[in-house]
Amino acid sequence: MKKKQNNYRKKSHSISLRLDDETYKKLKLISGKNNITQSRVLRNSFNEWVKLKNILMKSDSLIIGVNFLKGLLNLANDKELIDFGKYIAKIWINEFNIHLIDMKVREDLDSMLTTLIEGIGPNEANWFSKLNFRRIDKNRILVYGLHSLNRGFSVYFKSFLAYIMKKEFDYNLNPEKSNISDSTIKLEFKLPDEVYQN
């Protein structure tokens, strides 16, 4: 045990860091709120920043501001947003299926929705401040969420998800039980009766 501690100390390095008062107060607040040391907060923040930079550099990803994205979405009409949603869904399905092969995971609805929600939810891409799904019964599933964009984004996402659910899992959007607004999505999907009975 002593040897491990000594090895850890040998691999550690100390650096001095100058912070302005506002940044220091934020650091202290985050440290206290999460009950972790200030050095660990800084270390974790640095590692997350490096990870994000690496992902962006190795992929075709791009970070854009919320207001810029809102402006782009406002330039399109509903038909264009629906078509765009379907187009992006086709790309996403191909990439997701490759991901499944790579991870040796079977393709099922729960895995797909969990992966999607983790990827675009508040802990990753942050398209939504809240996003979740739940099974209503054996042949119906509800996807619901909150975002801070606009109605155009809701139209786009509804089309995107409806295409994936139909193409990959045979679930149809139930328009009577679904609605969207400037900041919310509530989408119910249902298996056709003949599929459910088989």
N, C-alpha and C. Protein backbone atom coordinates (compact mmCIF):
# COMPACT_ATOMS: atom_id res chain seq x y z
N MET A 1 0.83 -1.20 0.00
CA MET A 1 0.00 0.00 0.00
C MET A 1 0.87 1.26 0.00
N LYS A 2 1.94 1.24 0.82
CA LYS A 2 2.83 2.39 0.89
C LYS A 2 3.50 2.65 -0.45
N LYS A 3 3.92 1.55 -1.10
CA LYS A 3 4.59 1.66 -2.39
C LYS A 3 3.67 2.32 -3.41
N LYS A 4 2.37 1.94 -3.43
CA LYS A 4 1.41 2.53 -4.35
C LYS A 4 1.27 4.02 -4.11
N GLN A 5 1.18 4.43 -2.83
CA GLN A 5 1.06 5.85 -2.50
C GLN A 5 2.29 6.61 -2.96
N ASN A 6 3.47 6.04 -2.75
CA ASN A 6 4.71 6.69 -3.17
C ASN A 6 4.76 6.84 -4.69
N ASN A 7 4.34 5.79 -5.40
CA ASN A 7 4.30 5.85 -6.86
C ASN A 7 3.34 6.94 -7.34
N TYR A 8 2.17 7.04 -6.66
CA TYR A 8 1.19 8.06 -7.02
C TYR A 8 1.79 9.45 -6.83
N ARG A 9 2.48 9.65 -5.67
CA ARG A 9 3.10 10.95 -5.40
C ARG A 9 4.16 11.28 -6.44
N LYS A 10 4.92 10.28 -6.85
CA LYS A 10 5.97 10.50 -7.84
C LYS A 10 5.38 10.95 -9.18
N LYS A 11 4.17 10.44 -9.48
CA LYS A 11 3.55 10.77 -10.76
C LYS A 11 2.75 12.07 -10.71
N SER A 12 2.59 12.65 -9.54
CA SER A 12 1.85 13.90 -9.39
C SER A 12 2.77 15.10 -9.56
N HIS A 13 2.21 16.17 -10.06
CA HIS A 13 2.97 17.40 -10.24
C HIS A 13 2.17 18.56 -9.68
N SER A 14 2.85 19.51 -9.07
CA SER A 14 2.19 20.70 -8.54
C SER A 14 2.49 21.88 -9.44
N ILE A 15 1.46 22.67 -9.72
CA ILE A 15 1.68 23.91 -10.46
C ILE A 15 0.94 25.03 -9.73
N SER A 16 1.44 26.24 -9.87
CA SER A 16 0.71 27.36 -9.27
C SER A 16 -0.21 27.94 -10.34
N LEU A 17 -1.35 28.41 -9.90
CA LEU A 17 -2.37 28.88 -10.83
C LEU A 17 -2.96 30.18 -10.30
N ARG A 18 -3.00 31.19 -11.13
CA ARG A 18 -3.57 32.48 -10.71
C ARG A 18 -4.99 32.59 -11.25
N LEU A 19 -5.96 32.81 -10.37
CA LEU A 19 -7.36 32.94 -10.76
C LEU A 19 -7.89 34.30 -10.35
N ASP A 20 -8.74 34.88 -11.19
CA ASP A 20 -9.42 36.11 -10.77
C ASP A 20 -10.45 35.75 -9.71
N ASP A 21 -10.92 36.77 -8.99
CA ASP A 21 -11.80 36.55 -7.84
C ASP A 21 -13.09 35.82 -8.23
N GLU A 22 -13.68 36.21 -9.36
CA GLU A 22 -14.95 35.60 -9.79
C GLU A 22 -14.77 34.11 -10.09
N THR A 23 -13.69 33.76 -10.81
CA THR A 23 -13.42 32.35 -11.13
C THR A 23 -13.15 31.55 -9.87
N TYR A 24 -12.41 32.14 -8.94
CA TYR A 24 -12.10 31.45 -7.68
C TYR A 24 -13.38 31.17 -6.89
N LYS A 25 -14.29 32.14 -6.86
CA LYS A 25 -15.56 31.95 -6.13
C LYS A 25 -16.38 30.82 -6.75
N LYS A 26 -16.38 30.77 -8.11
CA LYS A 26 -17.10 29.68 -8.79
C LYS A 26 -16.48 28.33 -8.45
N LEU A 27 -15.15 28.28 -8.49
CA LEU A 27 -14.43 27.05 -8.16
C LEU A 27 -14.76 26.58 -6.75
N LYS A 28 -14.75 27.52 -5.81
CA LYS A 28 -15.03 27.21 -4.41
C LYS A 28 -16.47 26.70 -4.24
N LEU A 29 -17.40 27.34 -4.95
CA LEU A 29 -18.82 26.95 -4.89
C LEU A 29 -19.02 25.54 -5.44
N ILE A 30 -18.46 25.26 -6.62
CA ILE A 30 -18.60 23.93 -7.23
C ILE A 30 -17.96 22.87 -6.36
N SER A 31 -16.80 23.18 -5.81
CA SER A 31 -16.08 22.25 -4.93
C SER A 31 -16.91 21.91 -3.69
N GLY A 32 -17.45 22.93 -3.05
CA GLY A 32 -18.26 22.72 -1.84
C GLY A 32 -19.57 22.00 -2.14
N LYS A 33 -20.22 22.39 -3.23
CA LYS A 33 -21.51 21.80 -3.60
C LYS A 33 -21.39 20.31 -3.91
N ASN A 34 -20.27 19.93 -4.54
CA ASN A 34 -20.09 18.53 -4.93
C ASN A 34 -19.21 17.74 -3.98
N ASN A 35 -18.76 18.41 -2.91
CA ASN A 35 -17.94 17.77 -1.88
C ASN A 35 -16.67 17.11 -2.46
N ILE A 36 -16.01 17.85 -3.35
CA ILE A 36 -14.73 17.38 -3.90
C ILE A 36 -13.71 18.52 -3.82
N THR A 37 -12.44 18.17 -3.83
CA THR A 37 -11.39 19.19 -3.67
C THR A 37 -11.36 20.12 -4.89
N GLN A 38 -10.84 21.32 -4.64
CA GLN A 38 -10.72 22.29 -5.73
C GLN A 38 -9.76 21.78 -6.82
N SER A 39 -8.70 21.11 -6.40
CA SER A 39 -7.75 20.60 -7.40
C SER A 39 -8.42 19.54 -8.28
N ARG A 40 -9.31 18.74 -7.69
CA ARG A 40 -10.01 17.72 -8.48
C ARG A 40 -10.99 18.37 -9.46
N VAL A 41 -11.68 19.44 -9.02
CA VAL A 41 -12.57 20.17 -9.92
C VAL A 41 -11.78 20.68 -11.13
N LEU A 42 -10.63 21.29 -10.87
CA LEU A 42 -9.79 21.82 -11.96
C LEU A 42 -9.28 20.70 -12.86
N ARG A 43 -8.83 19.60 -12.25
CA ARG A 43 -8.32 18.46 -13.02
C ARG A 43 -9.42 17.88 -13.92
N ASN A 44 -10.61 17.67 -13.32
CA ASN A 44 -11.74 17.12 -14.10
C ASN A 44 -12.14 18.07 -15.23
N SER A 45 -12.17 19.37 -14.93
CA SER A 45 -12.55 20.36 -15.94
C SER A 45 -11.57 20.35 -17.11
N PHE A 46 -10.28 20.29 -16.78
CA PHE A 46 -9.25 20.26 -17.82
C PHE A 46 -9.40 19.00 -18.68
N ASN A 47 -9.58 17.85 -18.03
CA ASN A 47 -9.71 16.59 -18.78
C ASN A 47 -10.95 16.58 -19.67
N GLU A 48 -12.07 17.14 -19.17
CA GLU A 48 -13.29 17.21 -19.98
C GLU A 48 -13.08 18.14 -21.18
N TRP A 49 -12.39 19.25 -20.96
CA TRP A 49 -12.13 20.20 -22.03
C TRP A 49 -11.26 19.55 -23.12
N VAL A 50 -10.22 18.85 -22.72
CA VAL A 50 -9.34 18.17 -23.67
C VAL A 50 -10.11 17.11 -24.44
N LYS A 51 -10.96 16.35 -23.72
CA LYS A 51 -11.77 15.30 -24.35
C LYS A 51 -12.70 15.90 -25.41
N LEU A 52 -13.36 17.00 -25.05
CA LEU A 52 -14.27 17.66 -25.98
C LEU A 52 -13.53 18.18 -27.21
N LYS A 53 -12.38 18.80 -26.99
CA LYS A 53 -11.58 19.31 -28.11
C LYS A 53 -11.16 18.17 -29.04
N ASN A 54 -10.75 17.04 -28.46
CA ASN A 54 -10.34 15.89 -29.26
C ASN A 54 -11.50 15.35 -30.10
N ILE A 55 -12.68 15.27 -29.47
CA ILE A 55 -13.87 14.78 -30.19
C ILE A 55 -14.19 15.70 -31.36
N LEU A 56 -14.15 17.01 -31.11
CA LEU A 56 -14.47 17.97 -32.16
C LEU A 56 -13.44 17.94 -33.29
N MET A 57 -12.17 17.76 -32.94
CA MET A 57 -11.11 17.74 -33.94
C MET A 57 -11.14 16.46 -34.78
N LYS A 58 -11.57 15.34 -34.16
CA LYS A 58 -11.59 14.06 -34.87
C LYS A 58 -12.89 13.80 -35.60
N SER A 59 -13.87 14.64 -35.39
CA SER A 59 -15.17 14.41 -36.03
C SER A 59 -15.53 15.64 -36.86
N ASP A 60 -16.72 15.58 -37.45
CA ASP A 60 -17.18 16.74 -38.21
C ASP A 60 -18.13 17.58 -37.36
N SER A 61 -17.96 17.51 -36.02
CA SER A 61 -18.82 18.25 -35.11
C SER A 61 -18.41 19.73 -35.04
N LEU A 62 -19.36 20.52 -34.56
CA LEU A 62 -19.15 21.94 -34.49
C LEU A 62 -20.04 22.49 -33.38
N ILE A 63 -19.51 23.35 -32.53
CA ILE A 63 -20.32 23.96 -31.48
C ILE A 63 -20.81 25.30 -32.00
N ILE A 64 -22.13 25.52 -31.93
CA ILE A 64 -22.67 26.82 -32.33
C ILE A 64 -23.57 27.34 -31.22
N GLY A 65 -23.73 28.65 -31.18
CA GLY A 65 -24.55 29.28 -30.15
C GLY A 65 -26.03 29.02 -30.36
N VAL A 66 -26.78 29.05 -29.26
CA VAL A 66 -28.23 28.80 -29.30
C VAL A 66 -28.93 29.82 -30.19
N ASN A 67 -28.57 31.09 -30.05
CA ASN A 67 -29.24 32.13 -30.84
C ASN A 67 -28.97 31.98 -32.33
N PHE A 68 -27.75 31.55 -32.67
CA PHE A 68 -27.40 31.32 -34.07
C PHE A 68 -28.25 30.18 -34.65
N LEU A 69 -28.38 29.09 -33.88
CA LEU A 69 -29.18 27.94 -34.33
C LEU A 69 -30.65 28.33 -34.44
N LYS A 70 -31.15 29.10 -33.48
CA LYS A 70 -32.55 29.57 -33.56
C LYS A 70 -32.77 30.35 -34.85
N GLY A 71 -31.81 31.23 -35.17
CA GLY A 71 -31.91 32.02 -36.39
C GLY A 71 -31.96 31.15 -37.63
N LEU A 72 -31.12 30.12 -37.69
CA LEU A 72 -31.13 29.21 -38.83
C LEU A 72 -32.47 28.48 -38.95
N LEU A 73 -32.97 28.01 -37.81
CA LEU A 73 -34.24 27.28 -37.82
C LEU A 73 -35.40 28.17 -38.26
N ASN A 74 -35.32 29.46 -37.92
CA ASN A 74 -36.38 30.40 -38.31
C ASN A 74 -36.41 30.67 -39.81
N LEU A 75 -35.32 30.36 -40.51
CA LEU A 75 -35.26 30.59 -41.96
C LEU A 75 -36.00 29.51 -42.75
N ALA A 76 -36.28 28.38 -42.10
CA ALA A 76 -36.91 27.25 -42.81
C ALA A 76 -38.40 27.17 -42.49
N ASN A 77 -39.19 26.72 -43.46
CA ASN A 77 -40.61 26.48 -43.19
C ASN A 77 -40.79 25.04 -42.68
N ASP A 78 -42.01 24.69 -42.29
CA ASP A 78 -42.26 23.37 -41.68
C ASP A 78 -41.86 22.22 -42.61
N LYS A 79 -42.19 22.33 -43.90
CA LYS A 79 -41.86 21.25 -44.84
C LYS A 79 -40.35 21.05 -44.92
N GLU A 80 -39.61 22.14 -44.98
CA GLU A 80 -38.15 22.05 -45.04
C GLU A 80 -37.58 21.44 -43.76
N LEU A 81 -38.14 21.81 -42.61
CA LEU A 81 -37.68 21.25 -41.33
C LEU A 81 -37.99 19.76 -41.24
N ILE A 82 -39.16 19.35 -41.74
CA ILE A 82 -39.56 17.93 -41.74
C ILE A 82 -38.62 17.13 -42.65
N ASP A 83 -38.35 17.67 -43.85
CA ASP A 83 -37.44 17.00 -44.77
C ASP A 83 -36.03 16.90 -44.18
N PHE A 84 -35.59 17.96 -43.54
CA PHE A 84 -34.27 17.98 -42.91
C PHE A 84 -34.18 16.94 -41.79
N GLY A 85 -35.25 16.84 -40.99
CA GLY A 85 -35.31 15.84 -39.92
C GLY A 85 -35.14 14.42 -40.46
N LYS A 86 -35.84 14.13 -41.57
CA LYS A 86 -35.74 12.80 -42.19
C LYS A 86 -34.34 12.54 -42.73
N TYR A 87 -33.77 13.56 -43.35
CA TYR A 87 -32.42 13.43 -43.92
C TYR A 87 -31.39 13.12 -42.83
N ILE A 88 -31.44 13.86 -41.73
CA ILE A 88 -30.50 13.64 -40.62
C ILE A 88 -30.76 12.29 -39.97
N ALA A 89 -32.03 11.87 -39.89
CA ALA A 89 -32.37 10.57 -39.31
C ALA A 89 -31.73 9.43 -40.10
N LYS A 90 -31.75 9.53 -41.43
CA LYS A 90 -31.14 8.50 -42.27
C LYS A 90 -29.64 8.38 -41.97
N ILE A 91 -28.97 9.52 -41.85
CA ILE A 91 -27.53 9.52 -41.52
C ILE A 91 -27.32 8.91 -40.14
N TRP A 92 -28.15 9.32 -39.18
CA TRP A 92 -27.99 8.85 -37.79
C TRP A 92 -28.18 7.34 -37.70
N ILE A 93 -29.18 6.80 -38.41
CA ILE A 93 -29.44 5.35 -38.39
C ILE A 93 -28.20 4.58 -38.85
N ASN A 94 -27.59 5.02 -39.94
CA ASN A 94 -26.38 4.34 -40.45
C ASN A 94 -25.25 4.37 -39.43
N GLU A 95 -25.03 5.54 -38.83
CA GLU A 95 -23.95 5.67 -37.84
C GLU A 95 -24.26 4.87 -36.58
N PHE A 96 -25.53 4.86 -36.16
CA PHE A 96 -25.91 4.11 -34.96
C PHE A 96 -25.73 2.61 -35.17
N ASN A 97 -26.11 2.12 -36.35
CA ASN A 97 -25.96 0.69 -36.63
C ASN A 97 -24.49 0.26 -36.65
N ILE A 98 -23.62 1.12 -37.16
CA ILE A 98 -22.18 0.85 -37.13
C ILE A 98 -21.70 0.83 -35.68
N HIS A 99 -22.20 1.76 -34.88
CA HIS A 99 -21.85 1.83 -33.45
C HIS A 99 -22.25 0.54 -32.74
N LEU A 100 -23.43 0.01 -33.06
CA LEU A 100 -23.90 -1.24 -32.45
C LEU A 100 -22.99 -2.41 -32.79
N ILE A 101 -22.58 -2.48 -34.06
CA ILE A 101 -21.68 -3.57 -34.49
C ILE A 101 -20.37 -3.46 -33.73
N ASP A 102 -19.86 -2.23 -33.64
CA ASP A 102 -18.59 -1.98 -32.96
C ASP A 102 -18.66 -2.36 -31.48
N MET A 103 -19.79 -2.04 -30.85
CA MET A 103 -19.96 -2.29 -29.41
C MET A 103 -20.46 -3.72 -29.13
N LYS A 104 -20.78 -4.46 -30.20
CA LYS A 104 -21.34 -5.82 -30.08
C LYS A 104 -22.59 -5.84 -29.21
N VAL A 105 -23.44 -4.87 -29.46
CA VAL A 105 -24.69 -4.74 -28.71
C VAL A 105 -25.83 -5.03 -29.67
N ARG A 106 -26.87 -5.69 -29.18
CA ARG A 106 -28.00 -6.00 -30.08
C ARG A 106 -28.85 -4.74 -30.30
N GLU A 107 -29.46 -4.69 -31.45
CA GLU A 107 -30.29 -3.54 -31.79
C GLU A 107 -31.68 -3.73 -31.18
N ASP A 108 -32.04 -2.86 -30.26
CA ASP A 108 -33.40 -2.87 -29.73
C ASP A 108 -33.81 -1.44 -29.41
N LEU A 109 -35.09 -1.25 -29.23
CA LEU A 109 -35.64 0.09 -29.06
C LEU A 109 -35.08 0.79 -27.83
N ASP A 110 -35.03 0.09 -26.69
CA ASP A 110 -34.53 0.72 -25.46
C ASP A 110 -33.08 1.17 -25.60
N SER A 111 -32.23 0.32 -26.24
CA SER A 111 -30.83 0.69 -26.44
C SER A 111 -30.71 1.92 -27.32
N MET A 112 -31.51 1.96 -28.39
CA MET A 112 -31.45 3.09 -29.30
C MET A 112 -31.89 4.37 -28.61
N LEU A 113 -33.03 4.33 -27.92
CA LEU A 113 -33.52 5.54 -27.26
C LEU A 113 -32.58 6.00 -26.15
N THR A 114 -32.04 5.05 -25.40
CA THR A 114 -31.09 5.41 -24.33
C THR A 114 -29.86 6.08 -24.92
N THR A 115 -29.31 5.52 -25.99
CA THR A 115 -28.12 6.09 -26.64
C THR A 115 -28.43 7.48 -27.18
N LEU A 116 -29.57 7.62 -27.84
CA LEU A 116 -29.96 8.91 -28.40
C LEU A 116 -30.13 9.96 -27.31
N ILE A 117 -30.86 9.60 -26.26
CA ILE A 117 -31.14 10.54 -25.18
C ILE A 117 -29.87 10.95 -24.45
N GLU A 118 -28.97 9.99 -24.21
CA GLU A 118 -27.70 10.34 -23.57
C GLU A 118 -26.88 11.26 -24.47
N GLY A 119 -26.92 11.01 -25.78
CA GLY A 119 -26.11 11.80 -26.71
C GLY A 119 -26.58 13.23 -26.89
N ILE A 120 -27.90 13.46 -26.87
CA ILE A 120 -28.40 14.82 -27.12
C ILE A 120 -29.03 15.44 -25.88
N GLY A 121 -28.98 14.73 -24.76
CA GLY A 121 -29.55 15.24 -23.51
C GLY A 121 -28.64 16.23 -22.80
N PRO A 122 -29.03 16.62 -21.58
CA PRO A 122 -28.30 17.68 -20.87
C PRO A 122 -26.86 17.33 -20.49
N ASN A 123 -26.52 16.04 -20.41
CA ASN A 123 -25.16 15.68 -20.02
C ASN A 123 -24.18 15.56 -21.18
N GLU A 124 -24.68 15.61 -22.42
CA GLU A 124 -23.79 15.50 -23.58
C GLU A 124 -23.97 16.71 -24.50
N ALA A 125 -24.65 16.54 -25.63
CA ALA A 125 -24.76 17.63 -26.61
C ALA A 125 -25.65 18.77 -26.13
N ASN A 126 -26.51 18.50 -25.15
CA ASN A 126 -27.35 19.54 -24.53
C ASN A 126 -28.37 20.16 -25.49
N TRP A 127 -28.88 19.36 -26.43
CA TRP A 127 -29.98 19.84 -27.27
C TRP A 127 -31.22 20.06 -26.41
N PHE A 128 -31.35 19.25 -25.37
CA PHE A 128 -32.50 19.31 -24.47
C PHE A 128 -32.02 19.53 -23.04
N SER A 129 -32.78 20.31 -22.27
CA SER A 129 -32.48 20.44 -20.83
C SER A 129 -33.06 19.25 -20.08
N LYS A 130 -34.06 18.61 -20.68
CA LYS A 130 -34.63 17.37 -20.14
C LYS A 130 -35.13 16.55 -21.31
N LEU A 131 -34.82 15.26 -21.29
CA LEU A 131 -35.29 14.37 -22.36
C LEU A 131 -35.37 12.96 -21.79
N ASN A 132 -36.50 12.31 -22.00
CA ASN A 132 -36.68 10.97 -21.44
C ASN A 132 -37.71 10.20 -22.26
N PHE A 133 -37.82 8.91 -21.94
CA PHE A 133 -38.86 8.10 -22.56
C PHE A 133 -39.39 7.12 -21.53
N ARG A 134 -40.63 6.68 -21.75
CA ARG A 134 -41.19 5.63 -20.88
C ARG A 134 -42.21 4.83 -21.68
N ARG A 135 -42.29 3.58 -21.31
CA ARG A 135 -43.28 2.70 -21.94
C ARG A 135 -44.63 2.91 -21.27
N ILE A 136 -45.64 3.14 -22.07
CA ILE A 136 -47.00 3.29 -21.54
C ILE A 136 -47.62 1.92 -21.38
N ASP A 137 -47.44 1.06 -22.38
CA ASP A 137 -47.84 -0.34 -22.30
C ASP A 137 -46.98 -1.12 -23.29
N LYS A 138 -47.37 -2.35 -23.60
CA LYS A 138 -46.52 -3.20 -24.45
C LYS A 138 -46.32 -2.68 -25.86
N ASN A 139 -47.27 -1.90 -26.36
CA ASN A 139 -47.12 -1.44 -27.75
C ASN A 139 -47.09 0.08 -27.90
N ARG A 140 -46.96 0.82 -26.79
CA ARG A 140 -46.89 2.28 -26.87
C ARG A 140 -45.73 2.81 -26.04
N ILE A 141 -45.08 3.84 -26.57
CA ILE A 141 -43.94 4.45 -25.87
C ILE A 141 -44.04 5.97 -26.01
N LEU A 142 -43.68 6.68 -24.95
CA LEU A 142 -43.76 8.14 -24.91
C LEU A 142 -42.36 8.72 -24.79
N VAL A 143 -42.05 9.69 -25.65
CA VAL A 143 -40.79 10.43 -25.57
C VAL A 143 -41.16 11.88 -25.26
N TYR A 144 -40.53 12.47 -24.23
CA TYR A 144 -40.89 13.83 -23.83
C TYR A 144 -39.64 14.60 -23.42
N GLY A 145 -39.69 15.91 -23.64
CA GLY A 145 -38.52 16.71 -23.29
C GLY A 145 -38.77 18.20 -23.32
N LEU A 146 -37.79 18.93 -22.76
CA LEU A 146 -37.79 20.40 -22.71
C LEU A 146 -36.53 20.90 -23.38
N HIS A 147 -36.65 21.98 -24.14
CA HIS A 147 -35.47 22.60 -24.76
C HIS A 147 -35.63 24.11 -24.76
N SER A 148 -34.59 24.83 -25.14
CA SER A 148 -34.66 26.30 -25.11
C SER A 148 -34.47 26.90 -26.50
N LEU A 149 -34.85 26.16 -27.53
CA LEU A 149 -34.67 26.66 -28.89
C LEU A 149 -35.95 27.33 -29.39
N ASN A 150 -36.69 26.70 -30.26
CA ASN A 150 -37.94 27.29 -30.76
C ASN A 150 -38.81 26.20 -31.38
N ARG A 151 -39.96 26.59 -31.89
CA ARG A 151 -40.89 25.62 -32.47
C ARG A 151 -40.24 24.89 -33.65
N GLY A 152 -39.42 25.60 -34.42
CA GLY A 152 -38.74 24.98 -35.56
C GLY A 152 -37.92 23.77 -35.14
N PHE A 153 -37.25 23.87 -34.00
CA PHE A 153 -36.47 22.74 -33.50
C PHE A 153 -37.40 21.58 -33.13
N SER A 154 -38.54 21.90 -32.51
CA SER A 154 -39.50 20.85 -32.15
C SER A 154 -40.03 20.14 -33.40
N VAL A 155 -40.31 20.90 -34.46
CA VAL A 155 -40.78 20.32 -35.73
C VAL A 155 -39.70 19.40 -36.30
N TYR A 156 -38.46 19.90 -36.32
CA TYR A 156 -37.33 19.11 -36.83
C TYR A 156 -37.16 17.81 -36.03
N PHE A 157 -37.16 17.91 -34.70
CA PHE A 157 -36.91 16.73 -33.88
C PHE A 157 -38.05 15.72 -34.00
N LYS A 158 -39.27 16.20 -34.08
CA LYS A 158 -40.43 15.31 -34.25
C LYS A 158 -40.27 14.49 -35.53
N SER A 159 -39.89 15.13 -36.62
CA SER A 159 -39.69 14.44 -37.90
C SER A 159 -38.51 13.46 -37.81
N PHE A 160 -37.43 13.91 -37.19
CA PHE A 160 -36.22 13.09 -37.01
C PHE A 160 -36.55 11.79 -36.27
N LEU A 161 -37.22 11.93 -35.12
CA LEU A 161 -37.51 10.75 -34.29
C LEU A 161 -38.59 9.87 -34.92
N ALA A 162 -39.60 10.48 -35.54
CA ALA A 162 -40.67 9.70 -36.17
C ALA A 162 -40.10 8.81 -37.28
N TYR A 163 -39.15 9.35 -38.04
CA TYR A 163 -38.54 8.56 -39.11
C TYR A 163 -37.78 7.37 -38.53
N ILE A 164 -36.98 7.61 -37.50
CA ILE A 164 -36.19 6.53 -36.88
C ILE A 164 -37.10 5.45 -36.30
N MET A 165 -38.12 5.88 -35.56
CA MET A 165 -39.02 4.92 -34.90
C MET A 165 -39.75 4.05 -35.93
N LYS A 166 -40.17 4.64 -37.04
CA LYS A 166 -40.89 3.89 -38.07
C LYS A 166 -39.93 2.97 -38.84
N LYS A 167 -38.83 3.52 -39.29
CA LYS A 167 -37.89 2.78 -40.13
C LYS A 167 -37.23 1.62 -39.39
N GLU A 168 -36.82 1.85 -38.16
CA GLU A 168 -36.06 0.85 -37.42
C GLU A 168 -36.91 -0.09 -36.58
N PHE A 169 -38.05 0.39 -36.06
CA PHE A 169 -38.79 -0.42 -35.09
C PHE A 169 -40.28 -0.57 -35.38
N ASP A 170 -40.75 -0.02 -36.51
CA ASP A 170 -42.15 -0.16 -36.93
C ASP A 170 -43.14 0.61 -36.07
N TYR A 171 -42.66 1.54 -35.27
CA TYR A 171 -43.55 2.36 -34.43
C TYR A 171 -44.01 3.58 -35.23
N ASN A 172 -45.32 3.84 -35.20
CA ASN A 172 -45.88 5.02 -35.85
C ASN A 172 -46.14 6.11 -34.83
N LEU A 173 -45.95 7.36 -35.25
CA LEU A 173 -46.29 8.49 -34.40
C LEU A 173 -47.80 8.55 -34.26
N ASN A 174 -48.29 8.72 -33.03
CA ASN A 174 -49.72 8.86 -32.78
C ASN A 174 -50.02 10.35 -32.65
N PRO A 175 -50.50 11.01 -33.74
CA PRO A 175 -50.69 12.47 -33.71
C PRO A 175 -51.70 12.95 -32.67
N GLU A 176 -52.69 12.10 -32.36
CA GLU A 176 -53.72 12.50 -31.39
C GLU A 176 -53.16 12.63 -29.98
N LYS A 177 -52.09 11.88 -29.68
CA LYS A 177 -51.52 11.89 -28.33
C LYS A 177 -50.17 12.61 -28.29
N SER A 178 -49.82 13.28 -29.38
CA SER A 178 -48.52 13.96 -29.46
C SER A 178 -48.73 15.46 -29.64
N ASN A 179 -47.83 16.24 -29.06
CA ASN A 179 -47.85 17.68 -29.32
C ASN A 179 -46.47 18.28 -29.11
N ILE A 180 -46.25 19.40 -29.77
CA ILE A 180 -44.99 20.13 -29.65
C ILE A 180 -45.29 21.60 -29.43
N SER A 181 -44.31 22.31 -28.89
CA SER A 181 -44.45 23.76 -28.72
C SER A 181 -43.09 24.40 -28.95
N ASP A 182 -42.96 25.67 -28.60
CA ASP A 182 -41.68 26.38 -28.74
C ASP A 182 -40.58 25.76 -27.88
N SER A 183 -40.97 25.06 -26.80
CA SER A 183 -39.94 24.55 -25.88
C SER A 183 -40.17 23.12 -25.39
N THR A 184 -41.21 22.45 -25.92
CA THR A 184 -41.50 21.10 -25.44
C THR A 184 -41.77 20.14 -26.59
N ILE A 185 -41.51 18.86 -26.31
CA ILE A 185 -41.95 17.80 -27.22
C ILE A 185 -42.59 16.71 -26.38
N LYS A 186 -43.72 16.22 -26.85
CA LYS A 186 -44.38 15.07 -26.22
C LYS A 186 -44.85 14.21 -27.39
N LEU A 187 -44.15 13.10 -27.63
CA LEU A 187 -44.40 12.28 -28.81
C LEU A 187 -44.72 10.86 -28.39
N GLU A 188 -45.93 10.41 -28.74
CA GLU A 188 -46.31 9.04 -28.44
C GLU A 188 -46.19 8.20 -29.72
N PHE A 189 -45.56 7.04 -29.58
CA PHE A 189 -45.39 6.11 -30.70
C PHE A 189 -46.10 4.81 -30.39
N LYS A 190 -46.69 4.21 -31.44
CA LYS A 190 -47.48 3.00 -31.24
C LYS A 190 -47.18 1.99 -32.34
N LEU A 191 -47.09 0.72 -31.94
CA LEU A 191 -46.96 -0.34 -32.94
C LEU A 191 -48.30 -0.52 -33.66
N PRO A 192 -48.29 -0.77 -34.96
CA PRO A 192 -49.56 -1.09 -35.65
C PRO A 192 -50.17 -2.35 -35.04
N ASP A 193 -51.48 -2.44 -35.05
CA ASP A 193 -52.18 -3.58 -34.41
C ASP A 193 -51.71 -4.93 -34.95
N GLU A 194 -51.48 -5.01 -36.28
CA GLU A 194 -51.10 -6.30 -36.86
C GLU A 194 -49.70 -6.72 -36.39
N VAL A 195 -48.80 -5.75 -36.18
CA VAL A 195 -47.45 -6.06 -35.69
C VAL A 195 -47.52 -6.51 -34.23
N TYR A 196 -48.36 -5.80 -33.46
CA TYR A 196 -48.50 -6.12 -32.03
C TYR A 196 -49.06 -7.51 -31.81
N GLN A 197 -50.00 -7.92 -32.67
CA GLN A 197 -50.63 -9.23 -32.50
C GLN A 197 -49.71 -10.39 -32.85
N ASN A 198 -48.73 -10.16 -33.74
CA ASN A 198 -47.82 -11.25 -34.18
C ASN A 198 -46.79 -11.61 -33.17
